[in-house]
Amino acid sequence: MPEVTHIPKDDIQALWDGAEEASWDGLMKAVENRKNKPEGIENAIIGWLLKEIPKMKSEPYPGSADDLYEMINDRLGGMEEEQ
C-alpha cells in the first residue's frame, strides 16, 4: 500500500459533504461508504482514515471542511516526523 503523505482538499470536502451527521461517527460512515470504489478517493487514503478517525474522537469535531482538512493533514505531517 502506498504511503499517505497528504490528502487532497477535494477528497476531504467530498467526505465532509458525504457525512450524514457532523460527527466523527458520521465521517467514519462516509469514509466506509467510499471504500473500494473505483472512482474517487484512493484506497490508501481510505485505509489511513479508517485507522486514524477513531484516534481523533477525543478531539472536538471540526466546524468546517477546511478545519477538517487542516486537522487531518497536520496529523499526517506529525506522523511523518515521528517515523
Protein backbone atom coordinates (compact mmCIF):
# COMPACT_ATOMS: atom_id res chain seq x y z
CA MET A 1 0.00 0.00 0.00
CA PRO A 2 1.45 3.40 -0.91
CA GLU A 3 2.29 5.72 1.96
CA VAL A 4 -0.19 8.54 2.51
CA THR A 5 1.57 11.87 2.92
CA HIS A 6 -1.21 14.31 2.00
CA ILE A 7 -4.95 14.14 1.50
CA PRO A 8 -6.30 16.48 -1.21
CA LYS A 9 -8.80 19.15 -0.19
CA ASP A 10 -11.33 17.83 -2.74
CA ASP A 11 -11.28 14.42 -1.03
CA ILE A 12 -11.82 15.98 2.40
CA GLN A 13 -14.66 18.12 1.03
CA ALA A 14 -16.31 15.04 -0.53
CA LEU A 15 -16.15 13.19 2.79
CA TRP A 16 -17.41 16.24 4.69
CA ASP A 17 -20.36 16.56 2.30
CA GLY A 18 -20.99 12.80 2.45
CA ALA A 19 -21.24 12.66 6.24
CA GLU A 20 -24.91 12.44 7.22
CA GLU A 21 -24.14 13.94 10.63
CA ALA A 22 -21.42 16.35 11.73
CA SER A 23 -19.57 13.93 13.99
CA TRP A 24 -16.62 11.54 13.93
CA ASP A 25 -19.10 8.66 13.56
CA GLY A 26 -20.75 10.40 10.62
CA LEU A 27 -17.37 10.96 8.99
CA MET A 28 -16.41 7.34 9.61
CA LYS A 29 -19.57 6.17 7.81
CA ALA A 30 -18.82 8.49 4.89
CA VAL A 31 -15.30 7.00 4.63
CA GLU A 32 -16.62 3.44 4.85
CA ASN A 33 -19.13 4.19 2.06
CA ARG A 34 -16.27 5.16 -0.25
CA LYS A 35 -14.13 2.10 0.45
CA ASN A 36 -13.21 0.05 -2.65
CA LYS A 37 -15.00 2.39 -5.07
CA PRO A 38 -13.27 2.59 -8.46
CA GLU A 39 -13.75 6.36 -8.68
CA GLY A 40 -12.84 8.97 -6.16
CA ILE A 41 -10.60 8.67 -3.15
CA GLU A 42 -7.59 6.34 -3.25
CA ASN A 43 -7.86 3.18 -1.15
CA ALA A 44 -4.61 4.07 0.65
CA ILE A 45 -6.24 7.28 1.93
CA ILE A 46 -9.43 5.44 2.90
CA GLY A 47 -7.40 2.86 4.82
CA TRP A 48 -5.43 5.55 6.65
CA LEU A 49 -8.58 7.42 7.59
CA LEU A 50 -10.28 4.25 8.86
CA LYS A 51 -7.35 3.72 11.25
CA GLU A 52 -6.95 7.38 12.29
CA ILE A 53 -10.51 8.63 12.77
CA PRO A 54 -11.07 6.51 15.92
CA LYS A 55 -7.89 8.04 17.39
CA MET A 56 -9.21 11.54 16.65
CA LYS A 57 -12.51 11.08 18.53
CA SER A 58 -11.04 12.60 21.70
CA GLU A 59 -10.71 15.92 19.85
CA PRO A 60 -13.66 18.22 19.11
CA TYR A 61 -15.20 17.60 15.70
CA PRO A 62 -14.13 20.39 13.32
CA GLY A 63 -16.58 23.11 12.35
CA SER A 64 -15.86 23.09 8.61
CA ALA A 65 -14.31 21.04 5.82
CA ASP A 66 -11.36 23.45 5.84
CA ASP A 67 -10.79 22.80 9.55
CA LEU A 68 -11.02 19.05 8.95
CA TYR A 69 -8.53 19.34 6.08
CA GLU A 70 -6.04 21.15 8.31
CA MET A 71 -6.56 18.75 11.21
CA ILE A 72 -6.02 15.63 9.08
CA ASN A 73 -3.05 16.94 7.13
CA ASP A 74 -1.42 18.30 10.31
CA ARG A 75 -1.78 14.79 11.72
CA LEU A 76 -0.16 13.33 8.59
CA GLY A 77 2.72 15.81 8.87
CA GLY A 78 3.25 14.88 12.51
CA MET A 79 3.29 11.20 11.64
CA GLU A 80 5.97 11.73 9.00
CA GLU A 81 8.19 13.38 11.61
CA GLU A 82 7.68 10.51 14.06
CA GLN A 83 8.90 7.86 11.62
